[in-house]
Amino acid sequence: MGREVLLDVRGMEAPEPLERVLETIDGFEVGDVLRLVIDCRPQPLYRILNRNGFAYDERPGRESLYEIAIWRES
């Protein structure tokens, strides 16, 4: 079983949320999951994830507009 990391980027100015996500997932292995709490839909991030072997699941957040799970594809 991998590790799970929670990252809350609400209230941060661009491009800091994107940079923080990329720093966090750098070195992720299969089984690791990032739980991202964010108040905007990060379209540029999705393109980067798709190009670099990551998958994601976007859902409405409980305390934010979105909660996004990000993991490395096998």
PDB file of N, CA and C in Angstrom:
ATOM      1  N   MET A   1       0.846  -1.189   0.000  1.00  0.00           N
ATOM      2  CA  MET A   1       0.000   0.000   0.000  1.00  0.00           C
ATOM      3  C   MET A   1       0.880   1.237   0.000  1.00  0.00           C
ATOM      4  N   GLY A   2       0.503   2.209  -0.792  1.00  0.00           N
ATOM      5  CA  GLY A   2       1.268   3.442  -0.907  1.00  0.00           C
ATOM      6  C   GLY A   2       0.894   4.451   0.154  1.00  0.00           C
ATOM      7  N   ARG A   3       1.452   5.598   0.016  1.00  0.00           N
ATOM      8  CA  ARG A   3       1.168   6.680   0.962  1.00  0.00           C
ATOM      9  C   ARG A   3       0.082   7.586   0.413  1.00  0.00           C
ATOM     10  N   GLU A   4      -0.583   8.284   1.313  1.00  0.00           N
ATOM     11  CA  GLU A   4      -1.598   9.259   0.930  1.00  0.00           C
ATOM     12  C   GLU A   4      -1.186  10.608   1.479  1.00  0.00           C
ATOM     13  N   VAL A   5      -1.192  11.617   0.605  1.00  0.00           N
ATOM     14  CA  VAL A   5      -0.779  12.960   0.973  1.00  0.00           C
ATOM     15  C   VAL A   5      -1.947  13.906   0.741  1.00  0.00           C
ATOM     16  N   LEU A   6      -2.244  14.766   1.710  1.00  0.00           N
ATOM     17  CA  LEU A   6      -3.286  15.777   1.582  1.00  0.00           C
ATOM     18  C   LEU A   6      -2.622  17.118   1.306  1.00  0.00           C
ATOM     19  N   LEU A   7      -3.112  17.817   0.268  1.00  0.00           N
ATOM     20  CA  LEU A   7      -2.576  19.130  -0.081  1.00  0.00           C
ATOM     21  C   LEU A   7      -3.736  20.091  -0.282  1.00  0.00           C
ATOM     22  N   ASP A   8      -3.810  21.122   0.550  1.00  0.00           N
ATOM     23  CA  ASP A   8      -4.866  22.132   0.475  1.00  0.00           C
ATOM     24  C   ASP A   8      -4.258  23.390  -0.129  1.00  0.00           C
ATOM     25  N   VAL A   9      -4.694  23.738  -1.351  1.00  0.00           N
ATOM     26  CA  VAL A   9      -4.132  24.906  -2.030  1.00  0.00           C
ATOM     27  C   VAL A   9      -5.165  26.032  -2.171  1.00  0.00           C
ATOM     28  N   ARG A  10      -6.232  25.957  -1.412  1.00  0.00           N
ATOM     29  CA  ARG A  10      -7.243  27.016  -1.471  1.00  0.00           C
ATOM     30  C   ARG A  10      -6.628  28.347  -1.065  1.00  0.00           C
ATOM     31  N   GLY A  11      -6.979  29.377  -1.809  1.00  0.00           N
ATOM     32  CA  GLY A  11      -6.527  30.727  -1.476  1.00  0.00           C
ATOM     33  C   GLY A  11      -5.155  31.086  -2.017  1.00  0.00           C
ATOM     34  N   MET A  12      -4.458  30.148  -2.633  1.00  0.00           N
ATOM     35  CA  MET A  12      -3.144  30.438  -3.210  1.00  0.00           C
ATOM     36  C   MET A  12      -3.310  31.077  -4.582  1.00  0.00           C
ATOM     37  N   GLU A  13      -2.395  31.979  -4.922  1.00  0.00           N
ATOM     38  CA  GLU A  13      -2.383  32.630  -6.226  1.00  0.00           C
ATOM     39  C   GLU A  13      -1.645  31.751  -7.230  1.00  0.00           C
ATOM     40  N   ALA A  14      -2.147  31.728  -8.468  1.00  0.00           N
ATOM     41  CA  ALA A  14      -1.459  30.992  -9.535  1.00  0.00           C
ATOM     42  C   ALA A  14      -0.080  31.619  -9.757  1.00  0.00           C
ATOM     43  N   PRO A  15       0.931  30.845 -10.048  1.00  0.00           N
ATOM     44  CA  PRO A  15       0.943  29.417 -10.351  1.00  0.00           C
ATOM     45  C   PRO A  15       1.298  28.539  -9.144  1.00  0.00           C
ATOM     46  N   GLU A  16       1.227  29.091  -7.935  1.00  0.00           N
ATOM     47  CA  GLU A  16       1.654  28.332  -6.762  1.00  0.00           C
ATOM     48  C   GLU A  16       0.926  26.990  -6.583  1.00  0.00           C
ATOM     49  N   PRO A  17      -0.406  26.907  -6.756  1.00  0.00           N
ATOM     50  CA  PRO A  17      -1.045  25.591  -6.594  1.00  0.00           C
ATOM     51  C   PRO A  17      -0.478  24.536  -7.547  1.00  0.00           C
ATOM     52  N   LEU A  18      -0.279  24.906  -8.801  1.00  0.00           N
ATOM     53  CA  LEU A  18       0.286  23.982  -9.784  1.00  0.00           C
ATOM     54  C   LEU A  18       1.690  23.554  -9.379  1.00  0.00           C
ATOM     55  N   GLU A  19       2.500  24.503  -8.983  1.00  0.00           N
ATOM     56  CA  GLU A  19       3.867  24.195  -8.559  1.00  0.00           C
ATOM     57  C   GLU A  19       3.876  23.277  -7.343  1.00  0.00           C
ATOM     58  N   ARG A  20       3.012  23.539  -6.380  1.00  0.00           N
ATOM     59  CA  ARG A  20       2.953  22.711  -5.163  1.00  0.00           C
ATOM     60  C   ARG A  20       2.550  21.279  -5.487  1.00  0.00           C
ATOM     61  N   VAL A  21       1.566  21.103  -6.401  1.00  0.00           N
ATOM     62  CA  VAL A  21       1.149  19.760  -6.799  1.00  0.00           C
ATOM     63  C   VAL A  21       2.296  19.029  -7.469  1.00  0.00           C
ATOM     64  N   LEU A  22       2.957  19.682  -8.420  1.00  0.00           N
ATOM     65  CA  LEU A  22       4.046  19.028  -9.149  1.00  0.00           C
ATOM     66  C   LEU A  22       5.206  18.658  -8.225  1.00  0.00           C
ATOM     67  N   GLU A  23       5.513  19.513  -7.255  1.00  0.00           N
ATOM     68  CA  GLU A  23       6.548  19.189  -6.266  1.00  0.00           C
ATOM     69  C   GLU A  23       6.137  17.984  -5.427  1.00  0.00           C
ATOM     70  N   THR A  24       4.867  17.929  -5.055  1.00  0.00           N
ATOM     71  CA  THR A  24       4.382  16.857  -4.190  1.00  0.00           C
ATOM     72  C   THR A  24       4.397  15.509  -4.892  1.00  0.00           C
ATOM     73  N   ILE A  25       3.998  15.465  -6.162  1.00  0.00           N
ATOM     74  CA  ILE A  25       3.916  14.178  -6.866  1.00  0.00           C
ATOM     75  C   ILE A  25       5.246  13.748  -7.472  1.00  0.00           C
ATOM     76  N   ASP A  26       6.236  14.622  -7.463  1.00  0.00           N
ATOM     77  CA  ASP A  26       7.552  14.246  -7.971  1.00  0.00           C
ATOM     78  C   ASP A  26       8.087  13.081  -7.128  1.00  0.00           C
ATOM     79  N   GLY A  27       8.377  11.979  -7.764  1.00  0.00           N
ATOM     80  CA  GLY A  27       8.854  10.814  -7.034  1.00  0.00           C
ATOM     81  C   GLY A  27       7.757   9.876  -6.569  1.00  0.00           C
ATOM     82  N   PHE A  28       6.506  10.182  -6.877  1.00  0.00           N
ATOM     83  CA  PHE A  28       5.404   9.278  -6.522  1.00  0.00           C
ATOM     84  C   PHE A  28       5.612   7.926  -7.184  1.00  0.00           C
ATOM     85  N   GLU A  29       5.261   6.885  -6.465  1.00  0.00           N
ATOM     86  CA  GLU A  29       5.298   5.533  -6.994  1.00  0.00           C
ATOM     87  C   GLU A  29       3.867   5.032  -7.149  1.00  0.00           C
ATOM     88  N   VAL A  30       3.695   3.939  -7.875  1.00  0.00           N
ATOM     89  CA  VAL A  30       2.374   3.347  -8.013  1.00  0.00           C
ATOM     90  C   VAL A  30       1.847   3.032  -6.614  1.00  0.00           C
ATOM     91  N   GLY A  31       0.622   3.431  -6.326  1.00  0.00           N
ATOM     92  CA  GLY A  31       0.021   3.222  -5.009  1.00  0.00           C
ATOM     93  C   GLY A  31      -0.029   4.480  -4.167  1.00  0.00           C
ATOM     94  N   ASP A  32       0.796   5.471  -4.476  1.00  0.00           N
ATOM     95  CA  ASP A  32       0.759   6.752  -3.773  1.00  0.00           C
ATOM     96  C   ASP A  32      -0.405   7.575  -4.312  1.00  0.00           C
ATOM     97  N   VAL A  33      -1.063   8.332  -3.429  1.00  0.00           N
ATOM     98  CA  VAL A  33      -2.200   9.153  -3.834  1.00  0.00           C
ATOM     99  C   VAL A  33      -2.080  10.535  -3.213  1.00  0.00           C
ATOM    100  N   LEU A  34      -2.304  11.552  -4.028  1.00  0.00           N
ATOM    101  CA  LEU A  34      -2.399  12.923  -3.544  1.00  0.00           C
ATOM    102  C   LEU A  34      -3.871  13.295  -3.498  1.00  0.00           C
ATOM    103  N   ARG A  35      -4.330  13.778  -2.358  1.00  0.00           N
ATOM    104  CA  ARG A  35      -5.684  14.308  -2.213  1.00  0.00           C
ATOM    105  C   ARG A  35      -5.566  15.826  -2.250  1.00  0.00           C
ATOM    106  N   LEU A  36      -6.021  16.409  -3.343  1.00  0.00           N
ATOM    107  CA  LEU A  36      -5.896  17.846  -3.560  1.00  0.00           C
ATOM    108  C   LEU A  36      -7.213  18.537  -3.232  1.00  0.00           C
ATOM    109  N   VAL A  37      -7.151  19.561  -2.385  1.00  0.00           N
ATOM    110  CA  VAL A  37      -8.304  20.378  -2.019  1.00  0.00           C
ATOM    111  C   VAL A  37      -8.101  21.728  -2.691  1.00  0.00           C
ATOM    112  N   ILE A  38      -9.050  22.106  -3.568  1.00  0.00           N
ATOM    113  CA  ILE A  38      -8.850  23.290  -4.400  1.00  0.00           C
ATOM    114  C   ILE A  38     -10.187  23.930  -4.731  1.00  0.00           C
ATOM    115  N   ASP A  39     -10.195  25.239  -4.982  1.00  0.00           N
ATOM    116  CA  ASP A  39     -11.440  25.949  -5.282  1.00  0.00           C
ATOM    117  C   ASP A  39     -11.573  26.360  -6.742  1.00  0.00           C
ATOM    118  N   CYS A  40     -10.767  25.802  -7.624  1.00  0.00           N
ATOM    119  CA  CYS A  40     -10.929  26.044  -9.059  1.00  0.00           C
ATOM    120  C   CYS A  40     -10.612  24.747  -9.797  1.00  0.00           C
ATOM    121  N   ARG A  41     -11.078  24.655 -11.024  1.00  0.00           N
ATOM    122  CA  ARG A  41     -10.837  23.454 -11.829  1.00  0.00           C
ATOM    123  C   ARG A  41      -9.499  23.630 -12.535  1.00  0.00           C
ATOM    124  N   PRO A  42      -8.491  22.842 -12.186  1.00  0.00           N
ATOM    125  CA  PRO A  42      -7.126  23.060 -12.675  1.00  0.00           C
ATOM    126  C   PRO A  42      -6.844  22.426 -14.043  1.00  0.00           C
ATOM    127  N   GLN A  43      -7.416  22.996 -15.097  1.00  0.00           N
ATOM    128  CA  GLN A  43      -7.262  22.446 -16.443  1.00  0.00           C
ATOM    129  C   GLN A  43      -5.795  22.295 -16.867  1.00  0.00           C
ATOM    130  N   PRO A  44      -4.922  23.291 -16.657  1.00  0.00           N
ATOM    131  CA  PRO A  44      -3.519  23.099 -17.054  1.00  0.00           C
ATOM    132  C   PRO A  44      -2.880  21.912 -16.336  1.00  0.00           C
ATOM    133  N   LEU A  45      -3.228  21.707 -15.082  1.00  0.00           N
ATOM    134  CA  LEU A  45      -2.697  20.575 -14.322  1.00  0.00           C
ATOM    135  C   LEU A  45      -3.117  19.258 -14.965  1.00  0.00           C
ATOM    136  N   TYR A  46      -4.357  19.156 -15.389  1.00  0.00           N
ATOM    137  CA  TYR A  46      -4.846  17.916 -15.993  1.00  0.00           C
ATOM    138  C   TYR A  46      -4.045  17.551 -17.240  1.00  0.00           C
ATOM    139  N   ARG A  47      -3.709  18.528 -18.053  1.00  0.00           N
ATOM    140  CA  ARG A  47      -2.903  18.262 -19.257  1.00  0.00           C
ATOM    141  C   ARG A  47      -1.518  17.745 -18.881  1.00  0.00           C
ATOM    142  N   ILE A  48      -0.920  18.334 -17.865  1.00  0.00           N
ATOM    143  CA  ILE A  48       0.406  17.905 -17.406  1.00  0.00           C
ATOM    144  C   ILE A  48       0.338  16.477 -16.853  1.00  0.00           C
ATOM    145  N   LEU A  49      -0.673  16.193 -16.063  1.00  0.00           N
ATOM    146  CA  LEU A  49      -0.828  14.854 -15.493  1.00  0.00           C
ATOM    147  C   LEU A  49      -0.981  13.813 -16.600  1.00  0.00           C
ATOM    148  N   ASN A  50      -1.821  14.090 -17.581  1.00  0.00           N
ATOM    149  CA  ASN A  50      -2.041  13.155 -18.683  1.00  0.00           C
ATOM    150  C   ASN A  50      -0.758  12.867 -19.449  1.00  0.00           C
ATOM    151  N   ARG A  51       0.065  13.874 -19.661  1.00  0.00           N
ATOM    152  CA  ARG A  51       1.318  13.706 -20.414  1.00  0.00           C
ATOM    153  C   ARG A  51       2.387  12.953 -19.628  1.00  0.00           C
ATOM    154  N   ASN A  52       2.250  12.902 -18.314  1.00  0.00           N
ATOM    155  CA  ASN A  52       3.321  12.354 -17.481  1.00  0.00           C
ATOM    156  C   ASN A  52       2.950  11.093 -16.718  1.00  0.00           C
ATOM    157  N   GLY A  53       1.921  10.379 -17.164  1.00  0.00           N
ATOM    158  CA  GLY A  53       1.611   9.081 -16.588  1.00  0.00           C
ATOM    159  C   GLY A  53       0.837   9.099 -15.288  1.00  0.00           C
ATOM    160  N   PHE A  54       0.078  10.171 -15.063  1.00  0.00           N
ATOM    161  CA  PHE A  54      -0.749  10.259 -13.860  1.00  0.00           C
ATOM    162  C   PHE A  54      -2.221  10.209 -14.235  1.00  0.00           C
ATOM    163  N   ALA A  55      -3.031   9.699 -13.337  1.00  0.00           N
ATOM    164  CA  ALA A  55      -4.482   9.686 -13.483  1.00  0.00           C
ATOM    165  C   ALA A  55      -5.059  10.534 -12.352  1.00  0.00           C
ATOM    166  N   TYR A  56      -6.312  10.925 -12.519  1.00  0.00           N
ATOM    167  CA  TYR A  56      -6.955  11.746 -11.485  1.00  0.00           C
ATOM    168  C   TYR A  56      -8.451  11.482 -11.469  1.00  0.00           C
ATOM    169  N   ASP A  57      -9.050  11.821 -10.340  1.00  0.00           N
ATOM    170  CA  ASP A  57     -10.494  11.709 -10.166  1.00  0.00           C
ATOM    171  C   ASP A  57     -10.956  12.988  -9.489  1.00  0.00           C
ATOM    172  N   GLU A  58     -11.781  13.750 -10.188  1.00  0.00           N
ATOM    173  CA  GLU A  58     -12.283  15.029  -9.682  1.00  0.00           C
ATOM    174  C   GLU A  58     -13.692  14.834  -9.123  1.00  0.00           C
ATOM    175  N   ARG A  59     -13.896  15.345  -7.913  1.00  0.00           N
ATOM    176  CA  ARG A  59     -15.224  15.270  -7.275  1.00  0.00           C
ATOM    177  C   ARG A  59     -15.537  16.599  -6.597  1.00  0.00           C
ATOM    178  N   PRO A  60     -16.817  16.883  -6.400  1.00  0.00           N
ATOM    179  CA  PRO A  60     -17.159  18.078  -5.621  1.00  0.00           C
ATOM    180  C   PRO A  60     -16.604  17.935  -4.202  1.00  0.00           C
ATOM    181  N   GLY A  61     -16.066  19.019  -3.687  1.00  0.00           N
ATOM    182  CA  GLY A  61     -15.493  18.973  -2.349  1.00  0.00           C
ATOM    183  C   GLY A  61     -16.522  19.189  -1.263  1.00  0.00           C
ATOM    184  N   ARG A  62     -16.173  18.779  -0.070  1.00  0.00           N
ATOM    185  CA  ARG A  62     -17.043  19.006   1.088  1.00  0.00           C
ATOM    186  C   ARG A  62     -16.842  20.414   1.642  1.00  0.00           C
ATOM    187  N   GLU A  63     -15.573  20.840   1.675  1.00  0.00           N
ATOM    188  CA  GLU A  63     -15.246  22.166   2.198  1.00  0.00           C
ATOM    189  C   GLU A  63     -14.617  23.059   1.133  1.00  0.00           C
ATOM    190  N   SER A  64     -14.545  22.560  -0.089  1.00  0.00           N
ATOM    191  CA  SER A  64     -13.975  23.303  -1.200  1.00  0.00           C
ATOM    192  C   SER A  64     -14.805  22.989  -2.440  1.00  0.00           C
ATOM    193  N   LEU A  65     -14.536  23.674  -3.539  1.00  0.00           N
ATOM    194  CA  LEU A  65     -15.283  23.377  -4.762  1.00  0.00           C
ATOM    195  C   LEU A  65     -14.920  22.016  -5.326  1.00  0.00           C
ATOM    196  N   TYR A  66     -13.636  21.631  -5.198  1.00  0.00           N
ATOM    197  CA  TYR A  66     -13.193  20.354  -5.753  1.00  0.00           C
ATOM    198  C   TYR A  66     -12.272  19.621  -4.787  1.00  0.00           C
ATOM    199  N   GLU A  67     -12.346  18.304  -4.837  1.00  0.00           N
ATOM    200  CA  GLU A  67     -11.360  17.423  -4.212  1.00  0.00           C
ATOM    201  C   GLU A  67     -10.905  16.488  -5.320  1.00  0.00           C
ATOM    202  N   ILE A  68      -9.620  16.448  -5.547  1.00  0.00           N
ATOM    203  CA  ILE A  68      -9.067  15.693  -6.663  1.00  0.00           C
ATOM    204  C   ILE A  68      -8.053  14.689  -6.150  1.00  0.00           C
ATOM    205  N   ALA A  69      -8.262  13.436  -6.495  1.00  0.00           N
ATOM    206  CA  ALA A  69      -7.287  12.395  -6.186  1.00  0.00           C
ATOM    207  C   ALA A  69      -6.372  12.256  -7.394  1.00  0.00           C
ATOM    208  N   ILE A  70      -5.070  12.201  -7.150  1.00  0.00           N
ATOM    209  CA  ILE A  70      -4.071  12.089  -8.212  1.00  0.00           C
ATOM    210  C   ILE A  70      -3.155  10.922  -7.868  1.00  0.00           C
ATOM    211  N   TRP A  71      -2.880  10.044  -8.853  1.00  0.00           N
ATOM    212  CA  TRP A  71      -2.004   8.918  -8.625  1.00  0.00           C
ATOM    213  C   TRP A  71      -1.263   8.569  -9.900  1.00  0.00           C
ATOM    214  N   ARG A  72      -0.128   7.869  -9.744  1.00  0.00           N
ATOM    215  CA  ARG A  72       0.652   7.418 -10.890  1.00  0.00           C
ATOM    216  C   ARG A  72      -0.003   6.166 -11.450  1.00  0.00           C
ATOM    217  N   GLU A  73      -0.176   6.155 -12.765  1.00  0.00           N
ATOM    218  CA  GLU A  73      -0.748   4.977 -13.405  1.00  0.00           C
ATOM    219  C   GLU A  73       0.283   3.867 -13.440  1.00  0.00           C
ATOM    220  N   SER A  74      -0.189   2.614 -13.394  1.00  0.00           N
ATOM    221  CA  SER A  74       0.739   1.472 -13.394  1.00  0.00           C
ATOM    222  C   SER A  74       1.257   1.168 -14.777  1.00  0.00           C
TER     223      SER A  74
END
